[in-house]
């Protein structure tokens, strides 16, 4: 799976760790920047990652800023991008399994590299259960979210 990775200067300290975890899990990272700790604007990198998802250049993404909040807000403004801040492994896998999340947001000023490794691993290893689990409520709920997205345009 191709995984887009992007961050602003606040998320930059976690970027290489995330890239290593993606590779170690057997996936292909798509590094969309930033490439230094120089101050940049998180919406620009959220957009790059979102476009990669929308264009089919990546199936999932990991987006980082200082807190994870700004990047998360910006990413969720884009159709087809379903982002959530996860600073724990449960949310990281459950967000994919039940809610079809395709972008993991993290704050590099909130968590360090070791928790980030576990969180990214949980995110990458999860699959949307949809109707496959006999729990069709998840697919029904995700369908309602998609309808909200369509109606808000």
Protein backbone atom coordinates (compact mmCIF):
# COMPACT_ATOMS: atom_id res chain seq x y z
CA UNK A 1 0.00 0.00 0.00
CA UNK A 2 1.20 3.53 -0.73
CA UNK A 3 1.12 5.78 2.31
CA UNK A 4 1.41 9.55 1.93
CA UNK A 5 3.36 11.24 4.70
CA UNK A 6 3.34 14.98 5.28
CA UNK A 7 4.02 17.43 8.07
CA UNK A 8 4.67 21.02 8.92
CA UNK A 9 7.67 22.16 10.95
CA UNK A 10 5.95 21.11 14.21
CA UNK A 11 5.49 17.55 12.96
CA UNK A 12 8.89 17.34 11.30
CA UNK A 13 10.62 15.61 14.27
CA UNK A 14 8.42 12.52 13.78
CA UNK A 15 8.56 12.31 9.99
CA UNK A 16 11.58 10.03 9.57
CA UNK A 17 10.29 7.72 12.30
CA UNK A 18 6.98 7.40 10.47
CA UNK A 19 8.71 6.74 7.14
CA UNK A 20 10.78 3.97 8.74
CA UNK A 21 7.69 2.34 10.27
CA UNK A 22 5.83 2.45 6.94
CA UNK A 23 8.76 0.77 5.17
CA UNK A 24 9.22 -1.81 7.95
CA UNK A 25 5.54 -2.73 7.63
CA UNK A 26 6.10 -3.49 3.92
CA UNK A 27 4.41 -0.39 2.54
CA UNK A 28 5.66 2.35 0.24
CA UNK A 29 6.01 5.82 1.80
CA UNK A 30 5.30 8.87 -0.32
CA UNK A 31 7.18 11.75 1.34
CA UNK A 32 5.33 15.00 0.66
CA UNK A 33 7.40 17.20 2.97
CA UNK A 34 8.20 19.39 4.70
CA UNK A 35 11.91 18.67 4.45
CA UNK A 36 13.23 20.86 7.27
CA UNK A 37 12.26 22.40 10.60
CA UNK A 38 11.82 25.81 8.93
CA UNK A 39 8.39 27.30 9.66
CA UNK A 40 5.72 26.40 7.08
CA UNK A 41 1.91 26.38 7.02
CA UNK A 42 0.17 23.11 7.93
CA UNK A 43 -2.77 23.61 5.49
CA UNK A 44 -0.34 23.44 2.57
CA UNK A 45 0.87 20.01 3.62
CA UNK A 46 -2.59 18.77 4.57
CA UNK A 47 -3.65 19.71 1.04
CA UNK A 48 -0.70 17.85 -0.55
CA UNK A 49 -1.57 14.74 1.41
CA UNK A 50 -5.28 15.10 0.69
CA UNK A 51 -4.67 15.48 -3.04
CA UNK A 52 -2.56 12.30 -2.99
CA UNK A 53 -5.51 10.44 -1.44
CA UNK A 54 -8.03 12.01 -3.83
CA UNK A 55 -5.89 11.28 -6.91
CA UNK A 56 -5.25 7.68 -5.91
CA UNK A 57 -1.52 8.26 -5.47
CA UNK A 58 -1.86 6.92 -1.92
CA UNK A 59 -4.43 4.78 -0.15
CA UNK A 60 -3.74 6.21 3.30
CA UNK A 61 -1.84 9.04 4.87
CA UNK A 62 -0.05 10.10 8.02
CA UNK A 63 -0.15 13.83 8.70
CA UNK A 64 1.69 15.59 11.50
CA UNK A 65 1.88 19.03 13.02
CA UNK A 66 2.68 20.22 16.54
CA UNK A 67 -0.60 19.14 18.15
CA UNK A 68 -2.24 17.24 15.28
CA UNK A 69 -5.25 19.56 15.52
CA UNK A 70 -4.61 22.04 12.71
CA UNK A 71 -3.55 19.34 10.27
CA UNK A 72 -6.63 17.30 11.18
CA UNK A 73 -9.01 20.21 10.64
CA UNK A 74 -7.45 21.10 7.29
CA UNK A 75 -7.40 17.50 6.03
CA UNK A 76 -11.07 16.95 6.88
CA UNK A 77 -12.07 19.85 4.62
CA UNK A 78 -11.16 17.73 1.61
CA UNK A 79 -13.66 15.32 0.04
CA UNK A 80 -12.67 11.70 0.45
CA UNK A 81 -10.25 12.41 3.27
CA UNK A 82 -11.30 10.95 6.62
CA UNK A 83 -8.74 12.06 9.17
CA UNK A 84 -8.54 11.69 12.93
CA UNK A 85 -6.06 12.58 15.62
CA UNK A 86 -4.87 9.42 17.33
CA UNK A 87 -2.36 9.43 20.13
CA UNK A 88 -3.13 5.84 21.17
CA UNK A 89 -3.18 2.50 19.38
CA UNK A 90 -6.84 1.72 20.06
CA UNK A 91 -8.10 4.82 18.26
CA UNK A 92 -5.63 4.28 15.43
CA UNK A 93 -6.93 0.82 14.54
CA UNK A 94 -10.55 1.32 15.58
CA UNK A 95 -10.80 4.47 13.45
CA UNK A 96 -9.98 2.38 10.38
CA UNK A 97 -11.97 -0.73 11.38
CA UNK A 98 -15.22 1.02 12.30
CA UNK A 99 -15.04 4.45 10.66
CA UNK A 100 -13.00 3.85 7.48
CA UNK A 101 -10.44 6.49 8.50
CA UNK A 102 -7.77 6.92 5.84
CA UNK A 103 -5.57 9.61 7.39
CA UNK A 104 -3.86 9.39 10.76
CA UNK A 105 -3.00 12.73 12.37
CA UNK A 106 -0.52 13.04 15.20
CA UNK A 107 1.08 15.83 17.18
CA UNK A 108 4.85 15.64 17.45
CA UNK A 109 4.72 17.94 20.48
CA UNK A 110 2.29 15.55 22.16
CA UNK A 111 3.89 12.14 21.58
CA UNK A 112 7.40 10.91 20.97
CA UNK A 113 8.87 8.43 18.52
CA UNK A 114 8.16 5.22 20.45
CA UNK A 115 4.40 5.78 20.85
CA UNK A 116 4.29 7.04 17.25
CA UNK A 117 5.79 3.76 16.01
CA UNK A 118 3.10 1.73 17.78
CA UNK A 119 0.29 4.04 16.66
CA UNK A 120 1.36 4.02 12.99
CA UNK A 121 1.75 0.23 13.09
CA UNK A 122 -1.78 -0.15 14.49
CA UNK A 123 -3.16 2.22 11.81
CA UNK A 124 -1.43 0.42 8.95
CA UNK A 125 -2.46 -3.03 10.16
CA UNK A 126 -6.15 -2.22 10.44
CA UNK A 127 -8.83 -2.83 7.79
CA UNK A 128 -12.37 -1.47 7.56
CA UNK A 129 -14.70 -4.23 8.69
CA UNK A 130 -17.77 -2.92 6.84
CA UNK A 131 -20.24 -5.70 6.19
CA UNK A 132 -17.55 -8.38 6.39
CA UNK A 133 -17.81 -8.68 10.16
CA UNK A 134 -21.51 -9.31 10.36
CA UNK A 135 -21.66 -5.90 11.98
CA UNK A 136 -23.29 -3.96 9.17
CA UNK A 137 -23.82 -1.02 11.52
CA UNK A 138 -20.32 0.21 10.67
CA UNK A 139 -20.99 0.32 6.93
CA UNK A 140 -24.36 1.99 7.59
CA UNK A 141 -22.74 4.67 9.73
CA UNK A 142 -19.92 5.34 7.26
CA UNK A 143 -22.53 5.62 4.50
CA UNK A 144 -24.31 8.30 6.52
CA UNK A 145 -21.04 10.20 6.92
CA UNK A 146 -20.43 10.04 3.16
CA UNK A 147 -23.96 11.37 2.58
CA UNK A 148 -23.26 14.32 4.90
CA UNK A 149 -20.14 15.04 2.86
CA UNK A 150 -22.07 14.98 -0.42
CA UNK A 151 -24.82 17.21 0.93
CA UNK A 152 -22.44 19.84 2.27
CA UNK A 153 -20.96 20.72 -1.13
